[in-house]
Amino acid sequence: MTTSLTREQGLELLRQMLRIRRFEERAAELYQSGKIHGFLHLYIGEEAVAAGSIPALTNDDAIVATYREHGHALVRGTPMKSLMAELYGKATGCARGRGGSMHFFDATRRFYGGLAIVAGGLPVATGLALADKLQQQVRVTACYFGDGAVAEGEFHESLNLAALWKLPVLFICENNLYAMGTALARHQSQPDIAAKAKAYALAAETVDGMDVLAVEMATRRAVEFVRQGNGPYFLECRTYRFRAHSMYDAELYRSKDEVSAWKQRDPIATFEQNLRNANLLRDSDLERLDATIAAEIEEAVTFAETSPWEPVEDLTHDVSTNVRRQL
């Protein structure tokens, strides 16, 4: 615990992590009751990465995320009502109900996905950063992805081009040790992901992704490096998801003992205890946070359930086809 942390800052970090955790827990309940359909990939256990890193960005900076992006959208500021409605597939959702869990999107906040293709966000983020550089915009694009993405060609192509062209992009690898059900050491001959970034001449470091303050401090250093025109930066956040890869995952690839051991490092419980030890958190604070978040979630669920479906006649809007004429 850093001595410079204020009570206000500590409570805000805790609030954001709790919002993510409670939103995800409720989403799982709604999925199991048949209210939410499709795929659902939960971020439970990884909250410190989004909560710690996104506040280091400005509103002008861009964010590109993966299909496990609920927490990122919440911290970025997209209203919970809009996100819950998207999970329900309603017209009031952030993607008008067309994207669902894996495709949250909010252009007004420069939140460009929610992308379902593994490593698909890396070239998108590289392109956004290139556009900013060509337009001489002093902005940073933060690109989130998992350890499974390092096996894809887009990872290597994007890092190479970003380094060659000194693009203002911050690559943030949320290394939760498993690419779906495959352990990192089983699909990478070099499991040190930061070392891969250094091979492309990127400034890179590894940080404890279960420590929200460590993530925040590392991200602020990285953002400042990128914003000063020094080129891309790479952060590997070593974290762990407490739930299965998705709601369809039987989770046969890791032991219960392993999961239990990682839960002893729960980023929320650990940070809460650190705040108490520093006399920055009272019981009344936690009660207030829990009550406020619970009310926000219930309001979001009510909004989603009472929101309209997209009219059938609108389903072909924004859909294009390439018709080739027969000569």
C-alpha atoms as a PDB file:
ATOM      1  CA  MET A   1       0.000   0.000   0.000  1.00  0.00           C
ATOM      2  CA  THR A   2       1.483   3.291  -1.066  1.00  0.00           C
ATOM      3  CA  THR A   3       1.466   6.057   1.546  1.00  0.00           C
ATOM      4  CA  SER A   4       0.405   8.595  -1.114  1.00  0.00           C
ATOM      5  CA  LEU A   5      -2.956   6.917  -1.692  1.00  0.00           C
ATOM      6  CA  THR A   6      -5.821   9.071  -0.450  1.00  0.00           C
ATOM      7  CA  ARG A   7      -9.009   7.750   1.077  1.00  0.00           C
ATOM      8  CA  GLU A   8     -11.006   9.074  -1.888  1.00  0.00           C
ATOM      9  CA  GLN A   9      -8.740   7.348  -4.408  1.00  0.00           C
ATOM     10  CA  GLY A  10      -8.831   4.090  -2.497  1.00  0.00           C
ATOM     11  CA  LEU A  11     -12.608   4.048  -2.225  1.00  0.00           C
ATOM     12  CA  GLU A  12     -12.978   4.767  -5.933  1.00  0.00           C
ATOM     13  CA  LEU A  13     -10.709   1.901  -6.930  1.00  0.00           C
ATOM     14  CA  LEU A  14     -12.590  -0.420  -4.593  1.00  0.00           C
ATOM     15  CA  ARG A  15     -15.935   0.816  -5.938  1.00  0.00           C
ATOM     16  CA  GLN A  16     -14.984   0.092  -9.530  1.00  0.00           C
ATOM     17  CA  MET A  17     -13.787  -3.422  -8.745  1.00  0.00           C
ATOM     18  CA  LEU A  18     -16.923  -4.155  -6.732  1.00  0.00           C
ATOM     19  CA  ARG A  19     -19.145  -2.834  -9.555  1.00  0.00           C
ATOM     20  CA  ILE A  20     -17.488  -5.208 -11.990  1.00  0.00           C
ATOM     21  CA  ARG A  21     -17.709  -8.194  -9.620  1.00  0.00           C
ATOM     22  CA  ARG A  22     -21.379  -7.657  -8.737  1.00  0.00           C
ATOM     23  CA  PHE A  23     -22.377  -6.938 -12.343  1.00  0.00           C
ATOM     24  CA  GLU A  24     -20.724 -10.158 -13.478  1.00  0.00           C
ATOM     25  CA  GLU A  25     -22.231 -12.218 -10.672  1.00  0.00           C
ATOM     26  CA  ARG A  26     -25.684 -10.953 -11.575  1.00  0.00           C
ATOM     27  CA  ALA A  27     -25.041 -11.581 -15.275  1.00  0.00           C
ATOM     28  CA  ALA A  28     -24.197 -15.204 -14.451  1.00  0.00           C
ATOM     29  CA  GLU A  29     -27.448 -15.568 -12.498  1.00  0.00           C
ATOM     30  CA  LEU A  30     -29.453 -14.091 -15.354  1.00  0.00           C
ATOM     31  CA  TYR A  31     -27.729 -16.373 -17.841  1.00  0.00           C
ATOM     32  CA  GLN A  32     -28.507 -19.458 -15.793  1.00  0.00           C
ATOM     33  CA  SER A  33     -32.153 -18.396 -15.503  1.00  0.00           C
ATOM     34  CA  GLY A  34     -32.440 -18.030 -19.290  1.00  0.00           C
ATOM     35  CA  LYS A  35     -32.711 -14.230 -19.393  1.00  0.00           C
ATOM     36  CA  ILE A  36     -29.368 -13.841 -21.226  1.00  0.00           C
ATOM     37  CA  HIS A  37     -28.398 -15.980 -24.205  1.00  0.00           C
ATOM     38  CA  GLY A  38     -25.362 -16.565 -26.398  1.00  0.00           C
ATOM     39  CA  PHE A  39     -21.845 -16.537 -24.990  1.00  0.00           C
ATOM     40  CA  LEU A  40     -20.881 -15.039 -21.637  1.00  0.00           C
ATOM     41  CA  HIS A  41     -17.232 -14.684 -20.604  1.00  0.00           C
ATOM     42  CA  LEU A  42     -16.813 -13.472 -17.033  1.00  0.00           C
ATOM     43  CA  TYR A  43     -14.031 -11.219 -15.748  1.00  0.00           C
ATOM     44  CA  ILE A  44     -14.324 -12.291 -12.111  1.00  0.00           C
ATOM     45  CA  GLY A  45     -10.852 -12.336 -10.566  1.00  0.00           C
ATOM     46  CA  GLU A  46      -9.322  -9.965 -13.113  1.00  0.00           C
ATOM     47  CA  GLU A  47     -11.009  -6.751 -11.942  1.00  0.00           C
ATOM     48  CA  ALA A  48      -7.778  -5.068 -10.840  1.00  0.00           C
ATOM     49  CA  VAL A  49      -6.546  -4.781 -14.427  1.00  0.00           C
ATOM     50  CA  ALA A  50      -9.446  -2.746 -15.813  1.00  0.00           C
ATOM     51  CA  ALA A  51     -10.006  -0.790 -12.586  1.00  0.00           C
ATOM     52  CA  GLY A  52      -6.339   0.069 -12.241  1.00  0.00           C
ATOM     53  CA  SER A  53      -5.425   0.838 -15.837  1.00  0.00           C
ATOM     54  CA  ILE A  54      -8.349   2.698 -17.404  1.00  0.00           C
ATOM     55  CA  PRO A  55      -8.291   5.692 -14.993  1.00  0.00           C
ATOM     56  CA  ALA A  56      -4.772   6.397 -16.273  1.00  0.00           C
ATOM     57  CA  LEU A  57      -6.261   7.214 -19.689  1.00  0.00           C
ATOM     58  CA  THR A  58      -7.971  10.446 -20.716  1.00  0.00           C
ATOM     59  CA  ASN A  59     -11.390  10.696 -22.334  1.00  0.00           C
ATOM     60  CA  ASP A  60      -9.662  11.380 -25.662  1.00  0.00           C
ATOM     61  CA  ASP A  61      -7.709   8.137 -25.531  1.00  0.00           C
ATOM     62  CA  ALA A  62      -9.157   5.049 -27.195  1.00  0.00           C
ATOM     63  CA  ILE A  63      -9.793   1.564 -25.807  1.00  0.00           C
ATOM     64  CA  VAL A  64      -9.954  -1.696 -27.750  1.00  0.00           C
ATOM     65  CA  ALA A  65     -10.905  -4.782 -25.749  1.00  0.00           C
ATOM     66  CA  THR A  66     -11.666  -8.480 -26.137  1.00  0.00           C
ATOM     67  CA  TYR A  67     -14.847 -10.499 -25.661  1.00  0.00           C
ATOM     68  CA  ARG A  68     -14.200 -10.448 -21.867  1.00  0.00           C
ATOM     69  CA  GLU A  69     -14.849  -6.695 -21.768  1.00  0.00           C
ATOM     70  CA  HIS A  70     -17.719  -6.010 -19.355  1.00  0.00           C
ATOM     71  CA  GLY A  71     -15.376  -4.571 -16.735  1.00  0.00           C
ATOM     72  CA  HIS A  72     -13.586  -2.327 -19.196  1.00  0.00           C
ATOM     73  CA  ALA A  73     -16.833  -0.804 -20.437  1.00  0.00           C
ATOM     74  CA  LEU A  74     -18.051  -0.203 -16.879  1.00  0.00           C
ATOM     75  CA  VAL A  75     -14.852   1.537 -15.773  1.00  0.00           C
ATOM     76  CA  ARG A  76     -14.762   3.550 -18.986  1.00  0.00           C
ATOM     77  CA  GLY A  77     -18.114   5.030 -18.016  1.00  0.00           C
ATOM     78  CA  THR A  78     -20.670   3.385 -20.287  1.00  0.00           C
ATOM     79  CA  PRO A  79     -23.912   3.336 -18.258  1.00  0.00           C
ATOM     80  CA  MET A  80     -24.669  -0.001 -16.645  1.00  0.00           C
ATOM     81  CA  LYS A  81     -28.232   0.193 -17.974  1.00  0.00           C
ATOM     82  CA  SER A  82     -26.949   0.242 -21.527  1.00  0.00           C
ATOM     83  CA  LEU A  83     -24.625  -2.689 -20.889  1.00  0.00           C
ATOM     84  CA  MET A  84     -27.258  -4.830 -19.200  1.00  0.00           C
ATOM     85  CA  ALA A  85     -29.710  -4.099 -22.013  1.00  0.00           C
ATOM     86  CA  GLU A  86     -27.080  -5.261 -24.497  1.00  0.00           C
ATOM     87  CA  LEU A  87     -26.729  -8.546 -22.615  1.00  0.00           C
ATOM     88  CA  TYR A  88     -30.492  -8.947 -22.954  1.00  0.00           C
ATOM     89  CA  GLY A  89     -30.327  -8.154 -26.681  1.00  0.00           C
ATOM     90  CA  LYS A  90     -32.581  -5.131 -26.321  1.00  0.00           C
ATOM     91  CA  ALA A  91     -32.692  -2.112 -28.641  1.00  0.00           C
ATOM     92  CA  THR A  92     -31.531   0.178 -25.802  1.00  0.00           C
ATOM     93  CA  GLY A  93     -28.246  -1.705 -25.495  1.00  0.00           C
ATOM     94  CA  CYS A  94     -24.901  -0.073 -26.262  1.00  0.00           C
ATOM     95  CA  ALA A  95     -24.833  -1.932 -29.611  1.00  0.00           C
ATOM     96  CA  ARG A  96     -28.631  -1.794 -30.021  1.00  0.00           C
ATOM     97  CA  GLY A  97     -28.880  -5.399 -28.883  1.00  0.00           C
ATOM     98  CA  ARG A  98     -27.055  -6.705 -31.924  1.00  0.00           C
ATOM     99  CA  GLY A  99     -23.736  -7.500 -30.314  1.00  0.00           C
ATOM    100  CA  GLY A 100     -24.489  -9.064 -26.957  1.00  0.00           C
ATOM    101  CA  SER A 101     -21.879  -9.871 -24.341  1.00  0.00           C
ATOM    102  CA  MET A 102     -18.877 -10.053 -26.672  1.00  0.00           C
ATOM    103  CA  HIS A 103     -19.495  -6.835 -28.595  1.00  0.00           C
ATOM    104  CA  PHE A 104     -19.950  -3.920 -26.216  1.00  0.00           C
ATOM    105  CA  PHE A 105     -19.323  -0.676 -28.092  1.00  0.00           C
ATOM    106  CA  ASP A 106     -19.481   3.004 -27.190  1.00  0.00           C
ATOM    107  CA  ALA A 107     -18.061   5.381 -29.791  1.00  0.00           C
ATOM    108  CA  THR A 108     -18.961   8.447 -27.705  1.00  0.00           C
ATOM    109  CA  ARG A 109     -16.446   7.259 -25.100  1.00  0.00           C
ATOM    110  CA  ARG A 110     -13.964   5.958 -27.708  1.00  0.00           C
ATOM    111  CA  PHE A 111     -14.597   2.394 -26.547  1.00  0.00           C
ATOM    112  CA  TYR A 112     -14.178   0.356 -29.735  1.00  0.00           C
ATOM    113  CA  GLY A 113     -15.132  -3.126 -28.609  1.00  0.00           C
ATOM    114  CA  GLY A 114     -15.699  -5.837 -27.492  1.00  0.00           C
ATOM    115  CA  LEU A 115     -14.121  -7.875 -30.330  1.00  0.00           C
ATOM    116  CA  ALA A 116     -14.844 -11.604 -30.450  1.00  0.00           C
ATOM    117  CA  ILE A 117     -11.936 -12.650 -32.674  1.00  0.00           C
ATOM    118  CA  VAL A 118      -8.874 -13.646 -30.648  1.00  0.00           C
ATOM    119  CA  ALA A 119      -6.134 -11.048 -31.335  1.00  0.00           C
ATOM    120  CA  GLY A 120      -8.536  -9.196 -33.630  1.00  0.00           C
ATOM    121  CA  GLY A 121      -8.244  -6.031 -31.582  1.00  0.00           C
ATOM    122  CA  LEU A 122      -4.493  -5.642 -32.027  1.00  0.00           C
ATOM    123  CA  PRO A 123      -4.548  -4.520 -35.689  1.00  0.00           C
ATOM    124  CA  VAL A 124      -7.581  -2.329 -34.932  1.00  0.00           C
ATOM    125  CA  ALA A 125      -5.696  -0.599 -32.123  1.00  0.00           C
ATOM    126  CA  THR A 126      -2.603  -0.271 -34.288  1.00  0.00           C
ATOM    127  CA  GLY A 127      -4.724   1.364 -36.993  1.00  0.00           C
ATOM    128  CA  LEU A 128      -6.306   3.787 -34.534  1.00  0.00           C
ATOM    129  CA  ALA A 129      -2.864   4.748 -33.242  1.00  0.00           C
ATOM    130  CA  LEU A 130      -1.594   5.224 -36.806  1.00  0.00           C
ATOM    131  CA  ALA A 131      -4.539   7.512 -37.584  1.00  0.00           C
ATOM    132  CA  ASP A 132      -3.799   9.596 -34.477  1.00  0.00           C
ATOM    133  CA  LYS A 133      -0.143   9.910 -35.434  1.00  0.00           C
ATOM    134  CA  LEU A 134      -0.936  10.924 -39.027  1.00  0.00           C
ATOM    135  CA  GLN A 135      -3.401  13.533 -37.740  1.00  0.00           C
ATOM    136  CA  GLN A 136      -0.872  14.684 -35.129  1.00  0.00           C
ATOM    137  CA  GLN A 137      -3.286  13.917 -32.310  1.00  0.00           C
ATOM    138  CA  VAL A 138      -1.660  13.515 -28.909  1.00  0.00           C
ATOM    139  CA  ARG A 139      -3.685  10.479 -27.900  1.00  0.00           C
ATOM    140  CA  VAL A 140      -3.063   6.945 -26.684  1.00  0.00           C
ATOM    141  CA  THR A 141      -4.848   3.774 -27.781  1.00  0.00           C
ATOM    142  CA  ALA A 142      -4.997   1.078 -25.100  1.00  0.00           C
ATOM    143  CA  CYS A 143      -5.382  -2.432 -26.463  1.00  0.00           C
ATOM    144  CA  TYR A 144      -6.409  -5.276 -24.125  1.00  0.00           C
ATOM    145  CA  PHE A 145      -5.982  -8.951 -25.032  1.00  0.00           C
ATOM    146  CA  GLY A 146      -5.352 -12.300 -23.399  1.00  0.00           C
ATOM    147  CA  ASP A 147      -2.361 -14.609 -23.409  1.00  0.00           C
ATOM    148  CA  GLY A 148      -3.997 -16.743 -26.094  1.00  0.00           C
ATOM    149  CA  ALA A 149      -3.608 -13.864 -28.554  1.00  0.00           C
ATOM    150  CA  VAL A 150       0.183 -14.173 -28.569  1.00  0.00           C
ATOM    151  CA  ALA A 151      -0.175 -17.359 -30.651  1.00  0.00           C
ATOM    152  CA  GLU A 152      -1.865 -15.423 -33.451  1.00  0.00           C
ATOM    153  CA  GLY A 153      -0.144 -13.721 -36.361  1.00  0.00           C
ATOM    154  CA  GLU A 154      -1.910 -10.423 -35.668  1.00  0.00           C
ATOM    155  CA  PHE A 155      -0.033 -10.142 -32.383  1.00  0.00           C
ATOM    156  CA  HIS A 156       3.372 -10.253 -34.052  1.00  0.00           C
ATOM    157  CA  GLU A 157       2.382  -8.112 -37.027  1.00  0.00           C
ATOM    158  CA  SER A 158       0.865  -5.419 -34.835  1.00  0.00           C
ATOM    159  CA  LEU A 159       3.773  -5.192 -32.412  1.00  0.00           C
ATOM    160  CA  ASN A 160       6.238  -5.090 -35.281  1.00  0.00           C
ATOM    161  CA  LEU A 161       4.454  -2.260 -37.118  1.00  0.00           C
ATOM    162  CA  ALA A 162       3.791  -0.305 -33.921  1.00  0.00           C
ATOM    163  CA  ALA A 163       7.487  -0.410 -33.078  1.00  0.00           C
ATOM    164  CA  LEU A 164       8.637   0.392 -36.620  1.00  0.00           C
ATOM    165  CA  TRP A 165       6.359   3.415 -36.902  1.00  0.00           C
ATOM    166  CA  LYS A 166       6.601   4.470 -33.209  1.00  0.00           C
ATOM    167  CA  LEU A 167       2.838   4.436 -32.854  1.00  0.00           C
ATOM    168  CA  PRO A 168       1.100   5.738 -29.696  1.00  0.00           C
ATOM    169  CA  VAL A 169      -0.399   2.432 -28.607  1.00  0.00           C
ATOM    170  CA  LEU A 170      -0.327   0.753 -25.203  1.00  0.00           C
ATOM    171  CA  PHE A 171      -0.602  -3.026 -25.452  1.00  0.00           C
ATOM    172  CA  ILE A 172      -2.003  -4.572 -22.253  1.00  0.00           C
ATOM    173  CA  CYS A 173      -1.875  -8.360 -22.070  1.00  0.00           C
ATOM    174  CA  GLU A 174      -4.254  -9.776 -19.467  1.00  0.00           C
ATOM    175  CA  ASN A 175      -2.356 -12.998 -18.920  1.00  0.00           C
ATOM    176  CA  ASN A 176      -4.721 -15.295 -17.013  1.00  0.00           C
ATOM    177  CA  LEU A 177      -2.520 -18.325 -17.800  1.00  0.00           C
ATOM    178  CA  TYR A 178      -5.069 -20.115 -19.990  1.00  0.00           C
ATOM    179  CA  ALA A 179      -6.016 -19.693 -23.643  1.00  0.00           C
ATOM    180  CA  MET A 180      -9.525 -21.069 -23.243  1.00  0.00           C
ATOM    181  CA  GLY A 181      -8.545 -24.462 -21.779  1.00  0.00           C
ATOM    182  CA  THR A 182      -4.883 -24.590 -22.792  1.00  0.00           C
ATOM    183  CA  ALA A 183      -2.253 -23.627 -20.236  1.00  0.00           C
ATOM    184  CA  LEU A 184       0.269 -21.011 -21.333  1.00  0.00           C
ATOM    185  CA  ALA A 185       3.237 -23.401 -21.075  1.00  0.00           C
ATOM    186  CA  ARG A 186       1.463 -25.873 -23.360  1.00  0.00           C
ATOM    187  CA  HIS A 187       1.048 -23.455 -26.266  1.00  0.00           C
ATOM    188  CA  GLN A 188       4.092 -21.169 -25.918  1.00  0.00           C
ATOM    189  CA  SER A 189       7.712 -22.333 -25.975  1.00  0.00           C
ATOM    190  CA  GLN A 190       8.585 -18.961 -24.420  1.00  0.00           C
ATOM    191  CA  PRO A 191       5.973 -18.287 -21.706  1.00  0.00           C
ATOM    192  CA  ASP A 192       7.473 -14.890 -20.801  1.00  0.00           C
ATOM    193  CA  ILE A 193       5.111 -12.716 -22.834  1.00  0.00           C
ATOM    194  CA  ALA A 194       6.864  -9.442 -22.045  1.00  0.00           C
ATOM    195  CA  ALA A 195      10.023 -10.959 -23.535  1.00  0.00           C
ATOM    196  CA  LYS A 196       8.177 -11.418 -26.824  1.00  0.00           C
ATOM    197  CA  ALA A 197       7.378  -7.710 -26.896  1.00  0.00           C
ATOM    198  CA  LYS A 198      11.004  -6.822 -26.181  1.00  0.00           C
ATOM    199  CA  ALA A 199      11.994  -8.947 -29.182  1.00  0.00           C
ATOM    200  CA  TYR A 200      10.150  -6.373 -31.313  1.00  0.00           C
ATOM    201  CA  ALA A 201      12.041  -3.544 -29.595  1.00  0.00           C
ATOM    202  CA  LEU A 202       9.065  -2.442 -27.474  1.00  0.00           C
ATOM    203  CA  ALA A 203       9.504  -1.055 -23.994  1.00  0.00           C
ATOM    204  CA  ALA A 204       7.865  -3.742 -21.848  1.00  0.00           C
ATOM    205  CA  GLU A 205       7.306  -4.767 -18.251  1.00  0.00           C
ATOM    206  CA  THR A 206       5.412  -7.322 -16.225  1.00  0.00           C
ATOM    207  CA  VAL A 207       3.118  -6.316 -13.373  1.00  0.00           C
ATOM    208  CA  ASP A 208       1.075  -8.157 -10.736  1.00  0.00           C
ATOM    209  CA  GLY A 209      -2.390  -8.063 -12.250  1.00  0.00           C
ATOM    210  CA  MET A 210      -3.982  -8.959  -8.916  1.00  0.00           C
ATOM    211  CA  ASP A 211      -2.730  -5.722  -7.344  1.00  0.00           C
ATOM    212  CA  VAL A 212      -4.829  -2.752  -8.453  1.00  0.00           C
ATOM    213  CA  LEU A 213      -2.287  -0.186  -7.256  1.00  0.00           C
ATOM    214  CA  ALA A 214       0.584  -1.919  -9.031  1.00  0.00           C
ATOM    215  CA  VAL A 215      -1.469  -1.928 -12.237  1.00  0.00           C
ATOM    216  CA  GLU A 216      -2.384   1.736 -11.854  1.00  0.00           C
ATOM    217  CA  MET A 217       1.184   2.885 -11.255  1.00  0.00           C
ATOM    218  CA  ALA A 218       2.583   0.803 -14.113  1.00  0.00           C
ATOM    219  CA  THR A 219      -0.116   2.053 -16.478  1.00  0.00           C
ATOM    220  CA  ARG A 220       0.507   5.690 -15.613  1.00  0.00           C
ATOM    221  CA  ARG A 221       4.194   5.229 -16.373  1.00  0.00           C
ATOM    222  CA  ALA A 222       3.372   3.501 -19.634  1.00  0.00           C
ATOM    223  CA  VAL A 223       0.811   6.099 -20.728  1.00  0.00           C
ATOM    224  CA  GLU A 224       3.241   8.919 -20.045  1.00  0.00           C
ATOM    225  CA  PHE A 225       5.930   7.116 -22.064  1.00  0.00           C
ATOM    226  CA  VAL A 226       3.593   6.708 -25.045  1.00  0.00           C
ATOM    227  CA  ARG A 227       2.132  10.218 -24.822  1.00  0.00           C
ATOM    228  CA  GLN A 228       5.599  11.734 -24.929  1.00  0.00           C
ATOM    229  CA  GLY A 229       6.064  10.316 -28.424  1.00  0.00           C
ATOM    230  CA  ASN A 230       8.401   7.473 -27.484  1.00  0.00           C
ATOM    231  CA  GLY A 231       6.426   4.837 -29.363  1.00  0.00           C
ATOM    232  CA  PRO A 232       4.442   1.832 -28.092  1.00  0.00           C
ATOM    233  CA  TYR A 233       4.614   0.256 -24.657  1.00  0.00           C
ATOM    234  CA  PHE A 234       3.753  -3.264 -23.533  1.00  0.00           C
ATOM    235  CA  LEU A 235       2.322  -4.257 -20.153  1.00  0.00           C
ATOM    236  CA  GLU A 236       1.881  -7.877 -19.192  1.00  0.00           C
ATOM    237  CA  CYS A 237      -0.589  -8.091 -16.288  1.00  0.00           C
ATOM    238  CA  ARG A 238      -0.391 -11.510 -14.677  1.00  0.00           C
ATOM    239  CA  THR A 239      -3.840 -12.283 -13.390  1.00  0.00           C
ATOM    240  CA  TYR A 240      -6.317 -15.167 -13.073  1.00  0.00           C
ATOM    241  CA  ARG A 241      -9.977 -15.745 -13.836  1.00  0.00           C
ATOM    242  CA  PHE A 242     -11.859 -17.447 -11.032  1.00  0.00           C
ATOM    243  CA  ARG A 243     -14.656 -18.693 -13.286  1.00  0.00           C
ATOM    244  CA  ALA A 244     -14.474 -20.966 -16.316  1.00  0.00           C
ATOM    245  CA  HIS A 245     -13.537 -19.590 -19.735  1.00  0.00           C
ATOM    246  CA  SER A 246     -17.229 -19.185 -20.575  1.00  0.00           C
ATOM    247  CA  MET A 247     -20.544 -20.394 -19.235  1.00  0.00           C
ATOM    248  CA  TYR A 248     -20.268 -23.425 -21.552  1.00  0.00           C
ATOM    249  CA  ASP A 249     -16.849 -24.456 -20.237  1.00  0.00           C
ATOM    250  CA  ALA A 250     -16.710 -27.702 -18.221  1.00  0.00           C
ATOM    251  CA  GLU A 251     -13.362 -26.514 -16.786  1.00  0.00           C
ATOM    252  CA  LEU A 252     -11.595 -29.875 -16.853  1.00  0.00           C
ATOM    253  CA  TYR A 253      -8.144 -28.431 -17.539  1.00  0.00           C
ATOM    254  CA  ARG A 254      -7.259 -27.058 -14.091  1.00  0.00           C
ATOM    255  CA  SER A 255      -7.637 -28.321 -10.542  1.00  0.00           C
ATOM    256  CA  LYS A 256      -9.894 -26.935  -7.847  1.00  0.00           C
ATOM    257  CA  ASP A 257      -6.829 -26.578  -5.632  1.00  0.00           C
ATOM    258  CA  GLU A 258      -5.214 -24.271  -8.176  1.00  0.00           C
ATOM    259  CA  VAL A 259      -8.302 -22.080  -8.379  1.00  0.00           C
ATOM    260  CA  SER A 260      -8.597 -21.988  -4.584  1.00  0.00           C
ATOM    261  CA  ALA A 261      -4.967 -20.962  -4.247  1.00  0.00           C
ATOM    262  CA  TRP A 262      -5.464 -18.045  -6.630  1.00  0.00           C
ATOM    263  CA  LYS A 263      -8.632 -16.994  -4.817  1.00  0.00           C
ATOM    264  CA  GLN A 264      -6.462 -16.359  -1.773  1.00  0.00           C
ATOM    265  CA  ARG A 265      -5.103 -13.443  -3.809  1.00  0.00           C
ATOM    266  CA  ASP A 266      -8.547 -12.058  -4.687  1.00  0.00           C
ATOM    267  CA  PRO A 267      -7.793  -8.484  -5.827  1.00  0.00           C
ATOM    268  CA  ILE A 268     -10.890  -7.080  -4.114  1.00  0.00           C
ATOM    269  CA  ALA A 269     -10.461  -8.784  -0.750  1.00  0.00           C
ATOM    270  CA  THR A 270      -6.729  -8.009  -0.712  1.00  0.00           C
ATOM    271  CA  PHE A 271      -7.215  -4.346  -1.535  1.00  0.00           C
ATOM    272  CA  GLU A 272     -10.041  -4.017   0.967  1.00  0.00           C
ATOM    273  CA  GLN A 273      -7.789  -5.375   3.724  1.00  0.00           C
ATOM    274  CA  ASN A 274      -4.972  -3.043   2.689  1.00  0.00           C
ATOM    275  CA  LEU A 275      -7.325  -0.078   2.908  1.00  0.00           C
ATOM    276  CA  ARG A 276      -8.412  -1.165   6.385  1.00  0.00           C
ATOM    277  CA  ASN A 277      -4.815  -1.562   7.504  1.00  0.00           C
ATOM    278  CA  ALA A 278      -4.120   1.985   6.324  1.00  0.00           C
ATOM    279  CA  ASN A 279      -7.254   3.282   8.105  1.00  0.00           C
ATOM    280  CA  LEU A 280      -8.758   4.349   4.760  1.00  0.00           C
ATOM    281  CA  LEU A 281     -11.839   2.105   4.874  1.00  0.00           C
ATOM    282  CA  ARG A 282     -14.613   1.862   7.451  1.00  0.00           C
ATOM    283  CA  ASP A 283     -17.428  -0.674   7.755  1.00  0.00           C
ATOM    284  CA  SER A 284     -19.906   2.063   6.901  1.00  0.00           C
ATOM    285  CA  ASP A 285     -18.030   2.763   3.651  1.00  0.00           C
ATOM    286  CA  LEU A 286     -18.351  -0.842   2.537  1.00  0.00           C
ATOM    287  CA  GLU A 287     -22.025  -0.988   3.490  1.00  0.00           C
ATOM    288  CA  ARG A 288     -22.673   2.179   1.489  1.00  0.00           C
ATOM    289  CA  LEU A 289     -20.770   0.888  -1.538  1.00  0.00           C
ATOM    290  CA  ASP A 290     -22.585  -2.454  -1.470  1.00  0.00           C
ATOM    291  CA  ALA A 291     -25.997  -0.795  -1.187  1.00  0.00           C
ATOM    292  CA  THR A 292     -25.309   1.735  -3.952  1.00  0.00           C
ATOM    293  CA  ILE A 293     -23.989  -0.906  -6.348  1.00  0.00           C
ATOM    294  CA  ALA A 294     -26.860  -3.289  -5.591  1.00  0.00           C
ATOM    295  CA  ALA A 295     -29.351  -0.528  -6.372  1.00  0.00           C
ATOM    296  CA  GLU A 296     -27.529   0.338  -9.605  1.00  0.00           C
ATOM    297  CA  ILE A 297     -27.631  -3.293 -10.727  1.00  0.00           C
ATOM    298  CA  GLU A 298     -31.322  -3.706  -9.954  1.00  0.00           C
ATOM    299  CA  GLU A 299     -32.091  -0.509 -11.838  1.00  0.00           C
ATOM    300  CA  ALA A 300     -30.099  -1.821 -14.803  1.00  0.00           C
ATOM    301  CA  VAL A 301     -31.915  -5.168 -14.767  1.00  0.00           C
ATOM    302  CA  THR A 302     -35.317  -3.443 -14.623  1.00  0.00           C
ATOM    303  CA  PHE A 303     -34.285  -1.176 -17.488  1.00  0.00           C
ATOM    304  CA  ALA A 304     -33.161  -4.151 -19.586  1.00  0.00           C
ATOM    305  CA  GLU A 305     -36.259  -6.207 -18.919  1.00  0.00           C
ATOM    306  CA  THR A 306     -38.648  -3.356 -19.729  1.00  0.00           C
ATOM    307  CA  SER A 307     -36.740  -2.120 -22.786  1.00  0.00           C
ATOM    308  CA  PRO A 308     -38.122  -2.880 -26.255  1.00  0.00           C
ATOM    309  CA  TRP A 309     -36.753  -5.335 -28.761  1.00  0.00           C
ATOM    310  CA  GLU A 310     -35.567  -3.932 -32.059  1.00  0.00           C
ATOM    311  CA  PRO A 311     -38.515  -3.862 -34.514  1.00  0.00           C
ATOM    312  CA  VAL A 312     -38.409  -6.699 -37.020  1.00  0.00           C
ATOM    313  CA  GLU A 313     -38.580  -4.219 -39.906  1.00  0.00           C
ATOM    314  CA  ASP A 314     -35.296  -2.652 -38.705  1.00  0.00           C
ATOM    315  CA  LEU A 315     -33.273  -5.871 -38.680  1.00  0.00           C
ATOM    316  CA  THR A 316     -31.854  -5.270 -42.168  1.00  0.00           C
ATOM    317  CA  HIS A 317     -30.682  -1.748 -41.303  1.00  0.00           C
ATOM    318  CA  ASP A 318     -26.894  -1.327 -41.387  1.00  0.00           C
ATOM    319  CA  VAL A 319     -26.561  -4.683 -43.162  1.00  0.00           C
ATOM    320  CA  SER A 320     -24.964  -4.662 -46.583  1.00  0.00           C
ATOM    321  CA  THR A 321     -24.504  -7.296 -49.239  1.00  0.00           C
ATOM    322  CA  ASN A 322     -22.223  -7.521 -52.215  1.00  0.00           C
ATOM    323  CA  VAL A 323     -24.275  -8.756 -55.156  1.00  0.00           C
ATOM    324  CA  ARG A 324     -22.297  -9.862 -58.201  1.00  0.00           C
ATOM    325  CA  ARG A 325     -24.191  -9.516 -61.434  1.00  0.00           C
ATOM    326  CA  GLN A 326     -24.219 -12.357 -63.904  1.00  0.00           C
ATOM    327  CA  LEU A 327     -22.951 -11.167 -67.284  1.00  0.00           C
END
